[in-house]
Amino acid sequence: KSGGFKKLNTFYAGKALVINSQVI
């Protein structure tokens, strides 16, 4: 109820934004 469910593609797209320079 506090947002613990992970819709994986969306959740990890958000996580990857923090390290976007590494991805690029």
PDB file of all heavy atoms in Angstrom:
ATOM      1  N   LYS A   1       0.814  -1.217   0.000  1.00  0.00           N
ATOM      2  CA  LYS A   1       0.000   0.000   0.000  1.00  0.00           C
ATOM      3  C   LYS A   1       0.848   1.268   0.000  1.00  0.00           C
ATOM      4  O   LYS A   1       0.391   2.338  -0.397  1.00  0.00           O
ATOM      5  CB  LYS A   1      -0.942  -0.018   1.203  1.00  0.00           C
ATOM      6  CG  LYS A   1      -2.022  -1.094   1.083  1.00  0.00           C
ATOM      7  CD  LYS A   1      -2.771  -1.318   2.394  1.00  0.00           C
ATOM      8  CE  LYS A   1      -3.769  -0.222   2.638  1.00  0.00           C
ATOM      9  NZ  LYS A   1      -4.621  -0.544   3.823  1.00  0.00           N
ATOM     10  N   SER A   2       2.101   1.137   0.433  1.00  0.00           N
ATOM     11  CA  SER A   2       3.001   2.302   0.434  1.00  0.00           C
ATOM     12  C   SER A   2       3.883   2.336  -0.810  1.00  0.00           C
ATOM     13  O   SER A   2       4.889   3.030  -0.853  1.00  0.00           O
ATOM     14  CB  SER A   2       3.872   2.292   1.690  1.00  0.00           C
ATOM     15  OG  SER A   2       4.703   1.138   1.714  1.00  0.00           O
ATOM     16  N   GLY A   3       3.510   1.556  -1.824  1.00  0.00           N
ATOM     17  CA  GLY A   3       4.245   1.587  -3.096  1.00  0.00           C
ATOM     18  C   GLY A   3       5.289   0.509  -3.237  1.00  0.00           C
ATOM     19  O   GLY A   3       6.191   0.616  -4.076  1.00  0.00           O
ATOM     20  N   GLY A   4       5.161  -0.558  -2.457  1.00  0.00           N
ATOM     21  CA  GLY A   4       6.174  -1.616  -2.485  1.00  0.00           C
ATOM     22  C   GLY A   4       6.116  -2.536  -3.686  1.00  0.00           C
ATOM     23  O   GLY A   4       7.040  -3.295  -3.939  1.00  0.00           O
ATOM     24  N   PHE A   5       5.009  -2.482  -4.451  1.00  0.00           N
ATOM     25  CA  PHE A   5       4.919  -3.332  -5.638  1.00  0.00           C
ATOM     26  C   PHE A   5       5.756  -2.753  -6.768  1.00  0.00           C
ATOM     27  O   PHE A   5       5.708  -1.547  -7.030  1.00  0.00           O
ATOM     28  CB  PHE A   5       3.468  -3.452  -6.094  1.00  0.00           C
ATOM     29  CG  PHE A   5       3.297  -4.296  -7.332  1.00  0.00           C
ATOM     30  CD1 PHE A   5       3.257  -5.673  -7.249  1.00  0.00           C
ATOM     31  CD2 PHE A   5       3.199  -3.705  -8.580  1.00  0.00           C
ATOM     32  CE1 PHE A   5       3.105  -6.452  -8.395  1.00  0.00           C
ATOM     33  CE2 PHE A   5       3.046  -4.464  -9.726  1.00  0.00           C
ATOM     34  CZ  PHE A   5       2.991  -5.844  -9.626  1.00  0.00           C
ATOM     35  N   LYS A   6       6.517  -3.592  -7.449  1.00  0.00           N
ATOM     36  CA  LYS A   6       7.386  -3.137  -8.536  1.00  0.00           C
ATOM     37  C   LYS A   6       6.845  -3.609  -9.883  1.00  0.00           C
ATOM     38  O   LYS A   6       6.775  -4.810 -10.139  1.00  0.00           O
ATOM     39  CB  LYS A   6       8.801  -3.685  -8.361  1.00  0.00           C
ATOM     40  CG  LYS A   6       9.516  -3.252  -7.105  1.00  0.00           C
ATOM     41  CD  LYS A   6      10.871  -3.957  -6.995  1.00  0.00           C
ATOM     42  CE  LYS A   6      11.592  -3.604  -5.707  1.00  0.00           C
ATOM     43  NZ  LYS A   6      12.842  -4.372  -5.548  1.00  0.00           N
ATOM     44  N   LYS A   7       6.454  -2.684 -10.714  1.00  0.00           N
ATOM     45  CA  LYS A   7       6.228  -2.969 -12.124  1.00  0.00           C
ATOM     46  C   LYS A   7       7.615  -2.865 -12.750  1.00  0.00           C
ATOM     47  O   LYS A   7       8.146  -1.763 -12.948  1.00  0.00           O
ATOM     48  CB  LYS A   7       5.277  -1.937 -12.718  1.00  0.00           C
ATOM     49  CG  LYS A   7       4.785  -2.264 -14.111  1.00  0.00           C
ATOM     50  CD  LYS A   7       3.743  -3.342 -14.116  1.00  0.00           C
ATOM     51  CE  LYS A   7       3.120  -3.497 -15.503  1.00  0.00           C
ATOM     52  NZ  LYS A   7       2.220  -4.637 -15.566  1.00  0.00           N
ATOM     53  N   LEU A   8       8.261  -4.001 -13.012  1.00  0.00           N
ATOM     54  CA  LEU A   8       9.720  -4.029 -13.154  1.00  0.00           C
ATOM     55  C   LEU A   8      10.262  -3.094 -14.226  1.00  0.00           C
ATOM     56  O   LEU A   8      11.236  -2.376 -13.986  1.00  0.00           O
ATOM     57  CB  LEU A   8      10.185  -5.467 -13.427  1.00  0.00           C
ATOM     58  CG  LEU A   8       9.975  -6.460 -12.280  1.00  0.00           C
ATOM     59  CD1 LEU A   8      10.667  -7.783 -12.594  1.00  0.00           C
ATOM     60  CD2 LEU A   8      10.477  -5.909 -10.956  1.00  0.00           C
ATOM     61  N   ASN A   9       9.680  -3.102 -15.431  1.00  0.00           N
ATOM     62  CA  ASN A   9      10.229  -2.245 -16.483  1.00  0.00           C
ATOM     63  C   ASN A   9      10.211  -0.777 -16.088  1.00  0.00           C
ATOM     64  O   ASN A   9      11.180  -0.045 -16.272  1.00  0.00           O
ATOM     65  CB  ASN A   9       9.449  -2.441 -17.778  1.00  0.00           C
ATOM     66  CG  ASN A   9       9.758  -3.761 -18.459  1.00  0.00           C
ATOM     67  OD1 ASN A   9      10.551  -4.555 -17.947  1.00  0.00           O
ATOM     68  ND2 ASN A   9       9.128  -4.022 -19.576  1.00  0.00           N
ATOM     69  N   THR A  10       9.079  -0.341 -15.519  1.00  0.00           N
ATOM     70  CA  THR A  10       8.946   1.056 -15.113  1.00  0.00           C
ATOM     71  C   THR A  10       9.863   1.373 -13.936  1.00  0.00           C
ATOM     72  O   THR A  10      10.544   2.408 -13.909  1.00  0.00           O
ATOM     73  CB  THR A  10       7.485   1.358 -14.730  1.00  0.00           C
ATOM     74  OG1 THR A  10       6.640   1.052 -15.846  1.00  0.00           O
ATOM     75  CG2 THR A  10       7.309   2.816 -14.343  1.00  0.00           C
ATOM     76  N   PHE A  11       9.893   0.482 -12.948  1.00  0.00           N
ATOM     77  CA  PHE A  11      10.698   0.692 -11.748  1.00  0.00           C
ATOM     78  C   PHE A  11      12.183   0.798 -12.096  1.00  0.00           C
ATOM     79  O   PHE A  11      12.881   1.721 -11.648  1.00  0.00           O
ATOM     80  CB  PHE A  11      10.471  -0.456 -10.771  1.00  0.00           C
ATOM     81  CG  PHE A  11      11.303  -0.378  -9.518  1.00  0.00           C
ATOM     82  CD1 PHE A  11      10.939   0.461  -8.473  1.00  0.00           C
ATOM     83  CD2 PHE A  11      12.453  -1.138  -9.383  1.00  0.00           C
ATOM     84  CE1 PHE A  11      11.698   0.533  -7.311  1.00  0.00           C
ATOM     85  CE2 PHE A  11      13.226  -1.069  -8.231  1.00  0.00           C
ATOM     86  CZ  PHE A  11      12.846  -0.228  -7.197  1.00  0.00           C
ATOM     87  N   TYR A  12      12.678  -0.117 -12.924  1.00  0.00           N
ATOM     88  CA  TYR A  12      14.101  -0.120 -13.235  1.00  0.00           C
ATOM     89  C   TYR A  12      14.485   0.942 -14.265  1.00  0.00           C
ATOM     90  O   TYR A  12      15.647   1.378 -14.306  1.00  0.00           O
ATOM     91  CB  TYR A  12      14.547  -1.518 -13.677  1.00  0.00           C
ATOM     92  CG  TYR A  12      14.813  -2.409 -12.481  1.00  0.00           C
ATOM     93  CD1 TYR A  12      13.818  -3.220 -11.958  1.00  0.00           C
ATOM     94  CD2 TYR A  12      16.041  -2.382 -11.839  1.00  0.00           C
ATOM     95  CE1 TYR A  12      14.052  -4.008 -10.839  1.00  0.00           C
ATOM     96  CE2 TYR A  12      16.286  -3.156 -10.718  1.00  0.00           C
ATOM     97  CZ  TYR A  12      15.291  -3.966 -10.227  1.00  0.00           C
ATOM     98  OH  TYR A  12      15.534  -4.732  -9.110  1.00  0.00           O
ATOM     99  N   ALA A  13      13.523   1.385 -15.074  1.00  0.00           N
ATOM    100  CA  ALA A  13      13.807   2.539 -15.938  1.00  0.00           C
ATOM    101  C   ALA A  13      14.065   3.763 -15.073  1.00  0.00           C
ATOM    102  O   ALA A  13      14.943   4.578 -15.370  1.00  0.00           O
ATOM    103  CB  ALA A  13      12.639   2.786 -16.884  1.00  0.00           C
ATOM    104  N   GLY A  14      13.318   3.886 -13.986  1.00  0.00           N
ATOM    105  CA  GLY A  14      13.544   4.989 -13.049  1.00  0.00           C
ATOM    106  C   GLY A  14      14.877   4.867 -12.329  1.00  0.00           C
ATOM    107  O   GLY A  14      15.606   5.858 -12.179  1.00  0.00           O
ATOM    108  N   LYS A  15      15.200   3.658 -11.888  1.00  0.00           N
ATOM    109  CA  LYS A  15      16.479   3.437 -11.199  1.00  0.00           C
ATOM    110  C   LYS A  15      17.656   3.749 -12.130  1.00  0.00           C
ATOM    111  O   LYS A  15      18.672   4.306 -11.695  1.00  0.00           O
ATOM    112  CB  LYS A  15      16.568   1.982 -10.737  1.00  0.00           C
ATOM    113  CG  LYS A  15      15.555   1.582  -9.688  1.00  0.00           C
ATOM    114  CD  LYS A  15      16.031   1.866  -8.286  1.00  0.00           C
ATOM    115  CE  LYS A  15      17.046   0.847  -7.816  1.00  0.00           C
ATOM    116  NZ  LYS A  15      17.401   1.039  -6.384  1.00  0.00           N
ATOM    117  N   ALA A  16      17.527   3.380 -13.391  1.00  0.00           N
ATOM    118  CA  ALA A  16      18.620   3.573 -14.343  1.00  0.00           C
ATOM    119  C   ALA A  16      18.847   5.038 -14.672  1.00  0.00           C
ATOM    120  O   ALA A  16      19.948   5.422 -15.114  1.00  0.00           O
ATOM    121  CB  ALA A  16      18.345   2.795 -15.626  1.00  0.00           C
ATOM    122  N   LEU A  17      17.847   5.884 -14.467  1.00  0.00           N
ATOM    123  CA  LEU A  17      17.999   7.302 -14.776  1.00  0.00           C
ATOM    124  C   LEU A  17      19.070   7.946 -13.901  1.00  0.00           C
ATOM    125  O   LEU A  17      19.766   8.870 -14.338  1.00  0.00           O
ATOM    126  CB  LEU A  17      16.662   8.020 -14.587  1.00  0.00           C
ATOM    127  CG  LEU A  17      16.575   9.485 -15.041  1.00  0.00           C
ATOM    128  CD1 LEU A  17      17.024   9.636 -16.492  1.00  0.00           C
ATOM    129  CD2 LEU A  17      15.164  10.008 -14.864  1.00  0.00           C
ATOM    130  N   VAL A  18      19.236   7.437 -12.691  1.00  0.00           N
ATOM    131  CA  VAL A  18      20.244   7.971 -11.776  1.00  0.00           C
ATOM    132  C   VAL A  18      21.651   7.734 -12.319  1.00  0.00           C
ATOM    133  O   VAL A  18      22.563   8.521 -12.075  1.00  0.00           O
ATOM    134  CB  VAL A  18      20.087   7.346 -10.371  1.00  0.00           C
ATOM    135  CG1 VAL A  18      21.145   7.871  -9.408  1.00  0.00           C
ATOM    136  CG2 VAL A  18      18.693   7.622  -9.822  1.00  0.00           C
ATOM    137  N   ILE A  19      21.818   6.638 -13.060  1.00  0.00           N
ATOM    138  CA  ILE A  19      23.147   6.302 -13.610  1.00  0.00           C
ATOM    139  C   ILE A  19      23.128   6.417 -15.140  1.00  0.00           C
ATOM    140  O   ILE A  19      23.818   5.678 -15.844  1.00  0.00           O
ATOM    141  CB  ILE A  19      23.587   4.888 -13.180  1.00  0.00           C
ATOM    142  CG1 ILE A  19      22.529   3.835 -13.604  1.00  0.00           C
ATOM    143  CG2 ILE A  19      23.822   4.825 -11.686  1.00  0.00           C
ATOM    144  CD1 ILE A  19      23.026   2.406 -13.499  1.00  0.00           C
ATOM    145  N   ASN A  20      22.348   7.362 -15.646  1.00  0.00           N
ATOM    146  CA  ASN A  20      22.160   7.477 -17.086  1.00  0.00           C
ATOM    147  C   ASN A  20      23.472   7.676 -17.842  1.00  0.00           C
ATOM    148  O   ASN A  20      23.663   7.148 -18.937  1.00  0.00           O
ATOM    149  CB  ASN A  20      21.204   8.629 -17.392  1.00  0.00           C
ATOM    150  CG  ASN A  20      20.632   8.561 -18.791  1.00  0.00           C
ATOM    151  OD1 ASN A  20      20.409   7.479 -19.329  1.00  0.00           O
ATOM    152  ND2 ASN A  20      20.402   9.710 -19.396  1.00  0.00           N
ATOM    153  N   SER A  21      24.390   8.422 -17.266  1.00  0.00           N
ATOM    154  CA  SER A  21      25.687   8.651 -17.933  1.00  0.00           C
ATOM    155  C   SER A  21      26.444   7.345 -18.116  1.00  0.00           C
ATOM    156  O   SER A  21      27.079   7.124 -19.160  1.00  0.00           O
ATOM    157  CB  SER A  21      26.533   9.630 -17.118  1.00  0.00           C
ATOM    158  OG  SER A  21      25.958  10.913 -17.140  1.00  0.00           O
ATOM    159  N   GLN A  22      26.372   6.463 -17.115  1.00  0.00           N
ATOM    160  CA  GLN A  22      27.016   5.153 -17.227  1.00  0.00           C
ATOM    161  C   GLN A  22      26.393   4.343 -18.368  1.00  0.00           C
ATOM    162  O   GLN A  22      27.110   3.699 -19.158  1.00  0.00           O
ATOM    163  CB  GLN A  22      26.859   4.365 -15.927  1.00  0.00           C
ATOM    164  CG  GLN A  22      27.749   4.818 -14.789  1.00  0.00           C
ATOM    165  CD  GLN A  22      27.710   3.833 -13.629  1.00  0.00           C
ATOM    166  OE1 GLN A  22      27.387   2.662 -13.801  1.00  0.00           O
ATOM    167  NE2 GLN A  22      28.039   4.320 -12.452  1.00  0.00           N
ATOM    168  N   VAL A  23      25.072   4.376 -18.440  1.00  0.00           N
ATOM    169  CA  VAL A  23      24.373   3.630 -19.494  1.00  0.00           C
ATOM    170  C   VAL A  23      24.789   4.145 -20.866  1.00  0.00           C
ATOM    171  O   VAL A  23      25.115   3.363 -21.762  1.00  0.00           O
ATOM    172  CB  VAL A  23      22.845   3.748 -19.313  1.00  0.00           C
ATOM    173  CG1 VAL A  23      22.111   3.030 -20.450  1.00  0.00           C
ATOM    174  CG2 VAL A  23      22.403   3.182 -17.967  1.00  0.00           C
ATOM    175  N   ILE A  24      24.812   5.454 -21.027  1.00  0.00           N
ATOM    176  CA  ILE A  24      25.151   6.052 -22.319  1.00  0.00           C
ATOM    177  C   ILE A  24      26.584   5.723 -22.715  1.00  0.00           C
ATOM    178  O   ILE A  24      26.865   5.362 -23.871  1.00  0.00           O
ATOM    179  CB  ILE A  24      24.930   7.582 -22.275  1.00  0.00           C
ATOM    180  CG1 ILE A  24      23.439   7.893 -22.124  1.00  0.00           C
ATOM    181  CG2 ILE A  24      25.482   8.254 -23.523  1.00  0.00           C
ATOM    182  CD1 ILE A  24      23.128   9.339 -21.807  1.00  0.00           C
TER     183      ILE A  24
END
